[in-house]
Amino acid sequence: MNIAKIVRQQRKLKRLSQVEFAIKCGVGLRFIRELEQGKKTLRLDKVNQVLHYLGYEAGAIKLE
């Protein structure tokens, strides 16, 4: 499952609109929309800010 799907799914489980979710995460509505749409170029610090609210964190994984 990719980050966009995780964020969307978890937001909906919390029964939050994108606006409410953005406020709780401390980011803008546009960022949440772009994140949930799977935009390829987003600031990792902001992605982690959203993920942290959900109990997740993005990090580096060594490719074999």
N, C-alpha and C. Protein backbone atom coordinates (compact mmCIF):
# COMPACT_ATOMS: atom_id res chain seq x y z
N MET A 1 0.85 -1.17 0.00
CA MET A 1 0.00 0.00 0.00
C MET A 1 0.91 1.24 0.00
N ASN A 2 0.56 2.22 -0.81
CA ASN A 2 1.39 3.43 -0.87
C ASN A 2 0.93 4.46 0.16
N ILE A 3 1.75 5.50 0.32
CA ILE A 3 1.48 6.52 1.34
C ILE A 3 0.14 7.20 1.10
N ALA A 4 -0.17 7.51 -0.15
CA ALA A 4 -1.44 8.19 -0.46
C ALA A 4 -2.63 7.38 0.04
N LYS A 5 -2.61 6.08 -0.21
CA LYS A 5 -3.73 5.23 0.21
C LYS A 5 -3.80 5.12 1.73
N ILE A 6 -2.64 5.01 2.37
CA ILE A 6 -2.61 4.92 3.84
C ILE A 6 -3.20 6.17 4.45
N VAL A 7 -2.76 7.33 3.97
CA VAL A 7 -3.24 8.59 4.53
C VAL A 7 -4.74 8.74 4.32
N ARG A 8 -5.21 8.49 3.11
CA ARG A 8 -6.64 8.62 2.81
C ARG A 8 -7.46 7.67 3.69
N GLN A 9 -7.01 6.41 3.76
CA GLN A 9 -7.73 5.41 4.54
C GLN A 9 -7.78 5.78 6.02
N GLN A 10 -6.65 6.18 6.57
CA GLN A 10 -6.60 6.52 7.99
C GLN A 10 -7.41 7.78 8.30
N ARG A 11 -7.37 8.76 7.39
CA ARG A 11 -8.17 9.98 7.58
C ARG A 11 -9.65 9.63 7.63
N LYS A 12 -10.07 8.77 6.71
CA LYS A 12 -11.49 8.38 6.68
C LYS A 12 -11.88 7.57 7.90
N LEU A 13 -10.97 6.72 8.39
CA LEU A 13 -11.25 5.96 9.61
C LEU A 13 -11.46 6.89 10.80
N LYS A 14 -10.75 8.01 10.80
CA LYS A 14 -10.90 9.00 11.87
C LYS A 14 -12.10 9.91 11.63
N ARG A 15 -12.78 9.69 10.49
CA ARG A 15 -13.97 10.47 10.13
C ARG A 15 -13.69 11.98 10.06
N LEU A 16 -12.57 12.31 9.42
CA LEU A 16 -12.17 13.71 9.27
C LEU A 16 -12.27 14.11 7.81
N SER A 17 -12.75 15.32 7.58
CA SER A 17 -12.70 15.87 6.22
C SER A 17 -11.24 16.23 5.94
N GLN A 18 -10.94 16.51 4.69
CA GLN A 18 -9.58 16.93 4.36
C GLN A 18 -9.22 18.22 5.08
N VAL A 19 -10.18 19.12 5.21
CA VAL A 19 -9.94 20.39 5.90
C VAL A 19 -9.62 20.15 7.37
N GLU A 20 -10.42 19.35 8.04
CA GLU A 20 -10.20 19.05 9.46
C GLU A 20 -8.86 18.35 9.66
N PHE A 21 -8.56 17.42 8.76
CA PHE A 21 -7.32 16.65 8.84
C PHE A 21 -6.11 17.57 8.65
N ALA A 22 -6.17 18.45 7.69
CA ALA A 22 -5.08 19.39 7.44
C ALA A 22 -4.81 20.24 8.68
N ILE A 23 -5.87 20.72 9.31
CA ILE A 23 -5.72 21.55 10.51
C ILE A 23 -5.06 20.76 11.63
N LYS A 24 -5.53 19.54 11.85
CA LYS A 24 -4.98 18.71 12.92
C LYS A 24 -3.51 18.36 12.68
N CYS A 25 -3.13 18.22 11.40
CA CYS A 25 -1.75 17.87 11.05
C CYS A 25 -0.85 19.10 10.96
N GLY A 26 -1.44 20.27 10.89
CA GLY A 26 -0.65 21.49 10.80
C GLY A 26 -0.09 21.76 9.41
N VAL A 27 -0.81 21.29 8.39
CA VAL A 27 -0.41 21.54 7.00
C VAL A 27 -1.60 22.13 6.26
N GLY A 28 -1.36 22.56 5.04
CA GLY A 28 -2.43 23.15 4.26
C GLY A 28 -3.32 22.12 3.58
N LEU A 29 -4.51 22.56 3.25
CA LEU A 29 -5.46 21.70 2.55
C LEU A 29 -4.89 21.24 1.22
N ARG A 30 -4.26 22.13 0.49
CA ARG A 30 -3.68 21.77 -0.81
C ARG A 30 -2.67 20.63 -0.66
N PHE A 31 -1.86 20.69 0.40
CA PHE A 31 -0.88 19.62 0.63
C PHE A 31 -1.57 18.28 0.85
N ILE A 32 -2.63 18.27 1.65
CA ILE A 32 -3.37 17.02 1.91
C ILE A 32 -3.95 16.49 0.60
N ARG A 33 -4.53 17.36 -0.19
CA ARG A 33 -5.10 16.93 -1.47
C ARG A 33 -4.03 16.32 -2.37
N GLU A 34 -2.89 16.99 -2.47
CA GLU A 34 -1.81 16.49 -3.33
C GLU A 34 -1.25 15.18 -2.79
N LEU A 35 -1.13 15.07 -1.47
CA LEU A 35 -0.62 13.84 -0.86
C LEU A 35 -1.57 12.68 -1.14
N GLU A 36 -2.86 12.88 -0.94
CA GLU A 36 -3.83 11.82 -1.17
C GLU A 36 -3.97 11.46 -2.65
N GLN A 37 -3.63 12.39 -3.53
CA GLN A 37 -3.68 12.12 -4.97
C GLN A 37 -2.40 11.46 -5.47
N GLY A 38 -1.41 11.30 -4.58
CA GLY A 38 -0.18 10.61 -4.94
C GLY A 38 0.82 11.46 -5.70
N LYS A 39 0.81 12.77 -5.49
CA LYS A 39 1.78 13.63 -6.16
C LYS A 39 3.19 13.13 -5.87
N LYS A 40 4.02 13.08 -6.89
CA LYS A 40 5.35 12.48 -6.77
C LYS A 40 6.35 13.38 -6.05
N THR A 41 6.17 14.68 -6.09
CA THR A 41 7.14 15.60 -5.49
C THR A 41 6.49 16.38 -4.35
N LEU A 42 6.70 15.90 -3.15
CA LEU A 42 6.21 16.57 -1.94
C LEU A 42 7.35 16.64 -0.93
N ARG A 43 7.30 17.62 -0.07
CA ARG A 43 8.34 17.77 0.95
C ARG A 43 8.22 16.63 1.97
N LEU A 44 9.32 15.92 2.16
CA LEU A 44 9.32 14.78 3.07
C LEU A 44 9.04 15.19 4.51
N ASP A 45 9.50 16.37 4.92
CA ASP A 45 9.23 16.79 6.29
C ASP A 45 7.73 16.98 6.53
N LYS A 46 7.03 17.49 5.53
CA LYS A 46 5.58 17.66 5.65
C LYS A 46 4.86 16.31 5.58
N VAL A 47 5.36 15.42 4.72
CA VAL A 47 4.78 14.07 4.65
C VAL A 47 4.90 13.41 6.02
N ASN A 48 6.07 13.52 6.63
CA ASN A 48 6.27 12.92 7.95
C ASN A 48 5.43 13.61 9.02
N GLN A 49 5.17 14.89 8.86
CA GLN A 49 4.31 15.61 9.80
C GLN A 49 2.91 15.00 9.80
N VAL A 50 2.41 14.71 8.60
CA VAL A 50 1.08 14.08 8.46
C VAL A 50 1.13 12.65 8.98
N LEU A 51 2.15 11.90 8.57
CA LEU A 51 2.26 10.51 8.99
C LEU A 51 2.41 10.40 10.51
N HIS A 52 3.14 11.33 11.11
CA HIS A 52 3.33 11.31 12.56
C HIS A 52 1.98 11.40 13.29
N TYR A 53 1.09 12.23 12.79
CA TYR A 53 -0.24 12.34 13.38
C TYR A 53 -0.96 10.99 13.35
N LEU A 54 -0.67 10.19 12.32
CA LEU A 54 -1.31 8.89 12.16
C LEU A 54 -0.54 7.75 12.82
N GLY A 55 0.63 8.07 13.39
CA GLY A 55 1.43 7.04 14.04
C GLY A 55 2.37 6.32 13.10
N TYR A 56 2.74 6.95 11.99
CA TYR A 56 3.66 6.39 11.02
C TYR A 56 4.84 7.33 10.81
N GLU A 57 5.84 6.85 10.08
CA GLU A 57 6.96 7.69 9.68
C GLU A 57 7.54 7.14 8.39
N ALA A 58 7.90 8.03 7.47
CA ALA A 58 8.56 7.62 6.23
C ALA A 58 10.06 7.69 6.45
N GLY A 59 10.78 6.75 5.91
CA GLY A 59 12.22 6.73 6.07
C GLY A 59 12.89 6.04 4.92
N ALA A 60 14.20 6.01 4.98
CA ALA A 60 15.00 5.39 3.93
C ALA A 60 15.03 3.87 4.12
N ILE A 61 14.88 3.18 3.00
CA ILE A 61 14.97 1.72 3.01
C ILE A 61 16.00 1.33 1.97
N LYS A 62 17.00 0.54 2.37
CA LYS A 62 18.05 0.11 1.46
C LYS A 62 17.48 -0.86 0.43
N LEU A 63 17.72 -0.53 -0.83
CA LEU A 63 17.29 -1.40 -1.91
C LEU A 63 18.35 -2.45 -2.17
N GLU A 64 17.95 -3.65 -2.34
CA GLU A 64 18.89 -4.76 -2.58
C GLU A 64 19.17 -4.87 -4.06
